[in-house]
Amino acid sequence: MMKHLLPLLIFYSMTLTGCYKSKIADDTPKCMEKVIKQLNKREGCAIAGESGVLEYLFQNETVYVVYGDDCFMEGKQTIYDQECNIIGQILTQYGGDPLVRGEGFSNAIFVREVWEK
């Protein structure tokens, strides 16, 4: 009886302790997968539902907005290009339309959610 309970206990302990791997959307660049894996490792500051990656079309390029990546600056979002170069930041607590490469980011077109913790 006990040997039948052990696998069940292991399964429940993994589920309750957070051994859950959020799925990363298909066709995500490898460098962005690395950014996501680093973000997923953070404890305490990047908590469930408060960190993730969104994909946009901006200036005819795919860009990624990473939110919840800074433990000390709530509301900061970092914008990356497809090669994972930082091309801008959004500070949501200040409002307005942030300029990225000389254009307001409000012109970006939302494509999909790539990942969320």
C-alpha atoms as a PDB file:
ATOM      1  CA  MET A   1       0.000   0.000   0.000  1.00  0.00           C
ATOM      2  CA  MET A   2       2.774   2.430   0.956  1.00  0.00           C
ATOM      3  CA  LYS A   3       4.680   1.955  -2.308  1.00  0.00           C
ATOM      4  CA  HIS A   4       1.513   2.947  -4.201  1.00  0.00           C
ATOM      5  CA  LEU A   5       1.155   6.117  -2.146  1.00  0.00           C
ATOM      6  CA  LEU A   6       4.735   7.277  -2.641  1.00  0.00           C
ATOM      7  CA  PRO A   7       4.387   8.267  -6.337  1.00  0.00           C
ATOM      8  CA  LEU A   8       1.145  10.058  -5.531  1.00  0.00           C
ATOM      9  CA  LEU A   9       2.790  11.987  -2.689  1.00  0.00           C
ATOM     10  CA  ILE A  10       5.705  12.966  -4.913  1.00  0.00           C
ATOM     11  CA  PHE A  11       3.313  14.201  -7.597  1.00  0.00           C
ATOM     12  CA  TYR A  12       1.334  16.312  -5.133  1.00  0.00           C
ATOM     13  CA  SER A  13       4.447  17.746  -3.486  1.00  0.00           C
ATOM     14  CA  MET A  14       5.826  18.793  -6.891  1.00  0.00           C
ATOM     15  CA  THR A  15       2.515  20.381  -7.806  1.00  0.00           C
ATOM     16  CA  LEU A  16       2.175  22.275  -4.536  1.00  0.00           C
ATOM     17  CA  THR A  17       5.786  23.480  -4.402  1.00  0.00           C
ATOM     18  CA  GLY A  18       5.748  25.110  -7.798  1.00  0.00           C
ATOM     19  CA  CYS A  19       7.526  22.641 -10.061  1.00  0.00           C
ATOM     20  CA  TYR A  20       5.346  23.938 -12.834  1.00  0.00           C
ATOM     21  CA  LYS A  21       6.934  24.896 -16.105  1.00  0.00           C
ATOM     22  CA  SER A  22       5.101  27.614 -17.997  1.00  0.00           C
ATOM     23  CA  LYS A  23       4.946  26.945 -21.705  1.00  0.00           C
ATOM     24  CA  ILE A  24       6.857  29.258 -24.016  1.00  0.00           C
ATOM     25  CA  ALA A  25       5.057  29.981 -27.289  1.00  0.00           C
ATOM     26  CA  ASP A  26       6.296  28.246 -30.426  1.00  0.00           C
ATOM     27  CA  ASP A  27       8.650  30.136 -32.755  1.00  0.00           C
ATOM     28  CA  THR A  28      10.089  32.216 -29.917  1.00  0.00           C
ATOM     29  CA  PRO A  29      13.720  33.180 -30.632  1.00  0.00           C
ATOM     30  CA  LYS A  30      16.284  31.207 -28.610  1.00  0.00           C
ATOM     31  CA  CYS A  31      17.697  34.360 -27.067  1.00  0.00           C
ATOM     32  CA  MET A  32      14.212  35.320 -25.792  1.00  0.00           C
ATOM     33  CA  GLU A  33      13.811  31.819 -24.362  1.00  0.00           C
ATOM     34  CA  LYS A  34      16.985  32.509 -22.342  1.00  0.00           C
ATOM     35  CA  VAL A  35      15.496  35.784 -21.066  1.00  0.00           C
ATOM     36  CA  ILE A  36      12.320  33.907 -20.073  1.00  0.00           C
ATOM     37  CA  LYS A  37      14.251  31.141 -18.307  1.00  0.00           C
ATOM     38  CA  GLN A  38      16.160  33.730 -16.273  1.00  0.00           C
ATOM     39  CA  LEU A  39      12.922  35.500 -15.400  1.00  0.00           C
ATOM     40  CA  ASN A  40      11.303  32.198 -14.437  1.00  0.00           C
ATOM     41  CA  LYS A  41      14.146  31.425 -12.002  1.00  0.00           C
ATOM     42  CA  ARG A  42      13.575  34.562  -9.953  1.00  0.00           C
ATOM     43  CA  GLU A  43      11.989  33.983  -6.600  1.00  0.00           C
ATOM     44  CA  GLY A  44       9.977  36.546  -4.725  1.00  0.00           C
ATOM     45  CA  CYS A  45       9.976  39.374  -7.243  1.00  0.00           C
ATOM     46  CA  ALA A  46       8.660  37.659 -10.375  1.00  0.00           C
ATOM     47  CA  ILE A  47       5.527  36.023  -9.033  1.00  0.00           C
ATOM     48  CA  ALA A  48       2.663  34.304 -10.802  1.00  0.00           C
ATOM     49  CA  GLY A  49       0.732  36.606 -13.091  1.00  0.00           C
ATOM     50  CA  GLU A  50       3.100  39.512 -12.546  1.00  0.00           C
ATOM     51  CA  SER A  51       5.771  38.647 -15.085  1.00  0.00           C
ATOM     52  CA  GLY A  52       5.645  37.681 -18.708  1.00  0.00           C
ATOM     53  CA  VAL A  53       6.521  38.370 -22.315  1.00  0.00           C
ATOM     54  CA  LEU A  54       4.273  39.877 -24.980  1.00  0.00           C
ATOM     55  CA  GLU A  55       4.963  39.968 -28.706  1.00  0.00           C
ATOM     56  CA  TYR A  56       4.214  43.049 -30.817  1.00  0.00           C
ATOM     57  CA  LEU A  57       4.734  44.225 -34.370  1.00  0.00           C
ATOM     58  CA  PHE A  58       6.486  47.596 -34.270  1.00  0.00           C
ATOM     59  CA  GLN A  59       8.105  49.449 -37.162  1.00  0.00           C
ATOM     60  CA  ASN A  60       7.625  46.320 -39.316  1.00  0.00           C
ATOM     61  CA  GLU A  61       9.627  44.203 -36.859  1.00  0.00           C
ATOM     62  CA  THR A  62       8.707  41.687 -34.190  1.00  0.00           C
ATOM     63  CA  VAL A  63       9.533  43.030 -30.734  1.00  0.00           C
ATOM     64  CA  TYR A  64       9.046  41.613 -27.256  1.00  0.00           C
ATOM     65  CA  VAL A  65       7.867  43.428 -24.152  1.00  0.00           C
ATOM     66  CA  VAL A  66       9.093  41.826 -20.935  1.00  0.00           C
ATOM     67  CA  TYR A  67       7.280  42.846 -17.765  1.00  0.00           C
ATOM     68  CA  GLY A  68       8.027  41.933 -14.154  1.00  0.00           C
ATOM     69  CA  ASP A  69      11.760  41.735 -14.846  1.00  0.00           C
ATOM     70  CA  ASP A  70      12.860  44.290 -12.258  1.00  0.00           C
ATOM     71  CA  CYS A  71      12.314  43.603  -8.560  1.00  0.00           C
ATOM     72  CA  PHE A  72      12.967  47.225  -7.623  1.00  0.00           C
ATOM     73  CA  MET A  73      11.053  49.163 -10.272  1.00  0.00           C
ATOM     74  CA  GLU A  74       7.420  48.148 -10.339  1.00  0.00           C
ATOM     75  CA  GLY A  75       5.731  48.839 -13.639  1.00  0.00           C
ATOM     76  CA  LYS A  76       8.911  48.831 -15.719  1.00  0.00           C
ATOM     77  CA  GLN A  77       8.699  46.993 -19.029  1.00  0.00           C
ATOM     78  CA  THR A  78      11.700  46.285 -21.231  1.00  0.00           C
ATOM     79  CA  ILE A  79      11.366  46.167 -25.025  1.00  0.00           C
ATOM     80  CA  TYR A  80      13.641  43.806 -26.974  1.00  0.00           C
ATOM     81  CA  ASP A  81      14.170  43.287 -30.690  1.00  0.00           C
ATOM     82  CA  GLN A  82      14.403  39.792 -32.246  1.00  0.00           C
ATOM     83  CA  GLU A  83      18.097  39.537 -31.384  1.00  0.00           C
ATOM     84  CA  CYS A  84      17.301  40.408 -27.754  1.00  0.00           C
ATOM     85  CA  ASN A  85      18.859  43.840 -27.868  1.00  0.00           C
ATOM     86  CA  ILE A  86      17.104  46.284 -25.560  1.00  0.00           C
ATOM     87  CA  ILE A  87      15.529  48.959 -27.732  1.00  0.00           C
ATOM     88  CA  GLY A  88      13.463  50.771 -25.102  1.00  0.00           C
ATOM     89  CA  GLN A  89      11.729  50.778 -21.754  1.00  0.00           C
ATOM     90  CA  ILE A  90       8.265  51.687 -20.596  1.00  0.00           C
ATOM     91  CA  LEU A  91       7.722  53.097 -17.130  1.00  0.00           C
ATOM     92  CA  THR A  92       3.991  52.587 -16.711  1.00  0.00           C
ATOM     93  CA  GLN A  93       3.711  54.600 -13.514  1.00  0.00           C
ATOM     94  CA  TYR A  94       4.654  57.763 -15.436  1.00  0.00           C
ATOM     95  CA  GLY A  95       2.074  57.299 -18.200  1.00  0.00           C
ATOM     96  CA  GLY A  96       2.373  58.886 -21.592  1.00  0.00           C
ATOM     97  CA  ASP A  97       3.467  57.290 -24.834  1.00  0.00           C
ATOM     98  CA  PRO A  98       7.121  56.233 -24.617  1.00  0.00           C
ATOM     99  CA  LEU A  99       9.284  56.838 -27.668  1.00  0.00           C
ATOM    100  CA  VAL A 100      11.097  53.824 -29.055  1.00  0.00           C
ATOM    101  CA  ARG A 101      13.396  54.510 -31.985  1.00  0.00           C
ATOM    102  CA  GLY A 102      11.718  57.899 -32.388  1.00  0.00           C
ATOM    103  CA  GLU A 103       8.142  56.589 -32.565  1.00  0.00           C
ATOM    104  CA  GLY A 104       5.444  56.273 -29.924  1.00  0.00           C
ATOM    105  CA  PHE A 105       5.076  52.673 -28.776  1.00  0.00           C
ATOM    106  CA  SER A 106       1.290  53.077 -28.818  1.00  0.00           C
ATOM    107  CA  ASN A 107       1.616  52.389 -32.564  1.00  0.00           C
ATOM    108  CA  ALA A 108       2.774  48.834 -31.820  1.00  0.00           C
ATOM    109  CA  ILE A 109       0.327  46.070 -32.743  1.00  0.00           C
ATOM    110  CA  PHE A 110      -0.194  43.318 -30.170  1.00  0.00           C
ATOM    111  CA  VAL A 111       0.404  39.852 -31.660  1.00  0.00           C
ATOM    112  CA  ARG A 112       0.348  37.338 -28.797  1.00  0.00           C
ATOM    113  CA  GLU A 113       1.360  36.418 -25.291  1.00  0.00           C
ATOM    114  CA  VAL A 114       4.618  34.498 -25.491  1.00  0.00           C
ATOM    115  CA  TRP A 115       4.907  33.491 -21.831  1.00  0.00           C
ATOM    116  CA  GLU A 116       3.493  34.292 -18.413  1.00  0.00           C
ATOM    117  CA  LYS A 117       4.563  33.134 -14.986  1.00  0.00           C
END
